[in-house]
Amino acid sequence: MNQKDKVLTSQYLYERQKNVCQKVIKAAPNIICCDIKTPENIGSVLRVADAVGSRKVILLSDQDAVLEHKKIKKISRSSEDVVLESSNFEDYQSDVPLIAIELTELSSNIFDTKLPETCAFVMGNERYGIADKLLQQCESAVHIPMYGINGSMNVSHALAIVLYEWRRQYLS
């Protein structure tokens, strides 16, 4: 095995990421989670948010979110810098355009869409999607083309695809 084939250690990756984070990089959009139920998905959303440079994840729910669940912390790993807020549907107001990650009659393919530079991405419940009341507040909706038999994917995976497409369009 030569030097370029060597697997990088966790400590090396951690130090490299600390250096990357010190550079000025445009913050990625905030993420709004509509009634996400599982702590594993919340933890995964936090980890993806951190990876792409989002600063805030907002959990909207009619019931109290389990923000201190140990699985959230375990799965999100070192994503403590991402602010996790909880609010109910009635109190939430956005000061930026909302873009739904949802397959609708009017949604556009994420890879054919010029995403707004300033926005927030809205993702829905694992089973039922985005609540109609919140979907009506969204400026537009994007979907991810699916090529297999299954017509959907895990919410955190879908979020990762959308955020990295946004990051690709706005690298700095």
Protein backbone atom coordinates (compact mmCIF):
# COMPACT_ATOMS: atom_id res chain seq x y z
CA MET A 1 0.00 0.00 0.00
CA ASN A 2 1.45 3.36 -0.92
CA GLN A 3 0.91 6.66 0.94
CA LYS A 4 -2.07 7.85 -1.12
CA ASP A 5 -3.90 4.56 -0.51
CA LYS A 6 -3.62 4.87 3.26
CA VAL A 7 -6.87 5.02 5.23
CA LEU A 8 -7.20 8.27 7.15
CA THR A 9 -7.50 8.02 10.93
CA SER A 10 -10.38 9.52 12.88
CA GLN A 11 -8.03 11.98 14.59
CA TYR A 12 -6.62 13.15 11.25
CA LEU A 13 -10.14 13.65 9.87
CA TYR A 14 -11.17 15.55 13.00
CA GLU A 15 -8.18 17.90 12.75
CA ARG A 16 -8.76 18.41 9.03
CA GLN A 17 -12.40 19.32 9.65
CA LYS A 18 -11.46 21.80 12.38
CA ASN A 19 -9.30 23.58 9.78
CA VAL A 20 -12.09 23.51 7.20
CA CYS A 21 -14.55 24.97 9.72
CA GLN A 22 -12.22 27.89 10.43
CA LYS A 23 -12.55 29.08 6.84
CA VAL A 24 -15.39 31.46 6.08
CA ILE A 25 -18.02 29.41 4.30
CA LYS A 26 -21.53 30.60 3.55
CA ALA A 27 -23.99 28.97 5.94
CA ALA A 28 -26.32 26.46 4.31
CA PRO A 29 -30.09 26.88 4.69
CA ASN A 30 -31.88 26.13 7.92
CA ILE A 31 -33.90 22.94 8.06
CA ILE A 32 -37.49 22.70 9.22
CA CYS A 33 -38.66 19.25 10.26
CA CYS A 34 -42.42 18.83 10.21
CA ASP A 35 -43.45 16.29 12.84
CA ILE A 36 -40.39 14.02 12.59
CA LYS A 37 -41.04 11.20 15.06
CA THR A 38 -37.92 9.07 15.46
CA PRO A 39 -34.87 10.20 17.47
CA GLU A 40 -32.65 8.37 14.96
CA ASN A 41 -33.91 10.59 12.14
CA ILE A 42 -33.50 13.73 14.24
CA GLY A 43 -29.92 12.72 15.04
CA SER A 44 -29.22 11.99 11.37
CA VAL A 45 -30.71 15.35 10.33
CA LEU A 46 -28.41 17.14 12.80
CA ARG A 47 -25.39 15.27 11.50
CA VAL A 48 -26.22 16.08 7.86
CA ALA A 49 -26.94 19.70 8.77
CA ASP A 50 -23.51 19.99 10.38
CA ALA A 51 -21.79 18.26 7.47
CA VAL A 52 -23.14 20.74 4.92
CA GLY A 53 -22.86 23.86 7.13
CA SER A 54 -26.44 24.51 8.23
CA ARG A 55 -26.67 26.36 11.51
CA LYS A 56 -30.20 25.57 12.68
CA VAL A 57 -32.71 22.72 12.67
CA ILE A 58 -36.25 23.56 13.74
CA LEU A 59 -38.60 20.80 14.85
CA LEU A 60 -42.26 21.66 14.30
CA SER A 61 -44.72 19.41 16.06
CA ASP A 62 -48.05 19.45 17.82
CA GLN A 63 -46.48 17.49 20.65
CA ASP A 64 -43.34 17.93 22.69
CA ALA A 65 -40.28 16.68 20.86
CA VAL A 66 -37.94 14.31 22.65
CA LEU A 67 -34.95 16.64 22.32
CA GLU A 68 -32.88 15.05 25.06
CA HIS A 69 -33.22 11.50 23.80
CA LYS A 70 -29.86 9.71 24.06
CA LYS A 71 -30.16 8.33 20.52
CA ILE A 72 -30.23 11.88 19.11
CA LYS A 73 -26.90 12.70 20.75
CA LYS A 74 -25.35 9.36 19.82
CA ILE A 75 -26.29 9.57 16.14
CA SER A 76 -25.59 13.30 15.70
CA ARG A 77 -22.07 12.76 17.09
CA SER A 78 -20.15 16.05 17.08
CA SER A 79 -22.95 18.20 15.72
CA GLU A 80 -23.40 20.30 18.86
CA ASP A 81 -22.87 23.56 16.96
CA VAL A 82 -26.11 23.06 15.03
CA VAL A 83 -28.88 24.75 17.00
CA LEU A 84 -31.87 22.48 17.58
CA GLU A 85 -35.09 24.36 18.31
CA SER A 86 -38.60 23.13 18.90
CA SER A 87 -41.79 24.98 18.10
CA ASN A 88 -45.41 24.20 17.31
CA PHE A 89 -47.05 24.72 13.92
CA GLU A 90 -49.11 27.68 15.08
CA ASP A 91 -46.16 29.78 16.32
CA TYR A 92 -43.72 29.22 13.47
CA GLN A 93 -43.01 32.09 11.10
CA SER A 94 -40.27 32.16 8.47
CA ASP A 95 -38.38 35.19 7.25
CA VAL A 96 -37.01 33.33 4.19
CA PRO A 97 -38.69 31.39 1.39
CA LEU A 98 -39.60 27.82 2.35
CA ILE A 99 -38.74 25.03 -0.11
CA ALA A 100 -40.52 21.73 0.48
CA ILE A 101 -38.69 18.45 -0.03
CA GLU A 102 -41.78 16.60 -1.19
CA LEU A 103 -43.18 14.94 -4.29
CA THR A 104 -46.24 16.96 -5.30
CA GLU A 105 -48.13 17.64 -8.54
CA LEU A 106 -46.06 20.83 -8.96
CA SER A 107 -42.69 19.76 -7.53
CA SER A 108 -39.59 19.98 -9.71
CA ASN A 109 -36.69 17.60 -10.05
CA ILE A 110 -33.99 18.77 -7.61
CA PHE A 111 -31.29 18.35 -10.25
CA ASP A 112 -33.13 20.54 -12.78
CA THR A 113 -33.96 23.28 -10.29
CA LYS A 114 -32.04 26.46 -9.53
CA LEU A 115 -32.45 26.63 -5.76
CA PRO A 116 -32.75 30.01 -4.04
CA GLU A 117 -29.53 31.11 -2.37
CA THR A 118 -31.45 32.16 0.73
CA CYS A 119 -34.16 29.75 1.85
CA ALA A 120 -35.07 27.08 4.38
CA PHE A 121 -35.78 23.46 3.47
CA VAL A 122 -38.89 21.81 4.86
CA MET A 123 -39.08 18.07 5.32
CA GLY A 124 -42.03 16.06 6.52
CA ASN A 125 -43.08 13.24 8.75
CA GLU A 126 -41.56 9.86 7.97
CA ARG A 127 -44.91 8.41 6.96
CA TYR A 128 -47.24 11.27 6.03
CA GLY A 129 -44.92 13.93 4.63
CA ILE A 130 -45.33 17.67 5.20
CA ALA A 131 -48.55 18.81 6.84
CA ASP A 132 -50.83 20.59 4.34
CA LYS A 133 -50.87 23.77 6.44
CA LEU A 134 -47.08 24.06 6.22
CA LEU A 135 -46.91 22.88 2.60
CA GLN A 136 -49.20 25.78 1.65
CA GLN A 137 -46.61 28.20 3.09
CA CYS A 138 -43.84 26.82 0.87
CA GLU A 139 -42.78 28.84 -2.15
CA SER A 140 -42.02 25.68 -4.12
CA ALA A 141 -41.35 21.97 -3.78
CA VAL A 142 -38.52 19.80 -5.04
CA HIS A 143 -38.35 16.05 -5.36
CA ILE A 144 -35.57 13.53 -5.91
CA PRO A 145 -36.01 11.26 -8.91
CA MET A 146 -36.33 7.62 -7.92
CA TYR A 147 -35.22 4.84 -10.24
CA GLY A 148 -35.98 1.73 -8.19
CA ILE A 149 -39.20 0.04 -7.19
CA ASN A 150 -39.44 1.95 -3.91
CA GLY A 151 -40.97 5.39 -4.42
CA SER A 152 -39.48 7.05 -1.35
CA MET A 153 -36.38 7.22 0.81
CA ASN A 154 -35.52 8.00 4.42
CA VAL A 155 -36.09 11.67 5.29
CA SER A 156 -32.50 12.25 6.39
CA HIS A 157 -31.17 10.73 3.15
CA ALA A 158 -33.45 12.96 1.09
CA LEU A 159 -32.32 15.97 3.09
CA ALA A 160 -28.66 15.10 2.47
CA ILE A 161 -29.21 14.97 -1.28
CA VAL A 162 -31.03 18.31 -1.32
CA LEU A 163 -28.52 20.09 0.92
CA TYR A 164 -25.54 18.86 -1.06
CA GLU A 165 -27.23 19.95 -4.30
CA TRP A 166 -27.74 23.40 -2.71
CA ARG A 167 -24.07 23.39 -1.60
CA ARG A 168 -22.98 22.41 -5.11
CA GLN A 169 -24.87 25.41 -6.51
CA TYR A 170 -23.47 27.79 -3.85
CA LEU A 171 -19.98 26.55 -3.00
CA SER A 172 -18.72 29.62 -1.17
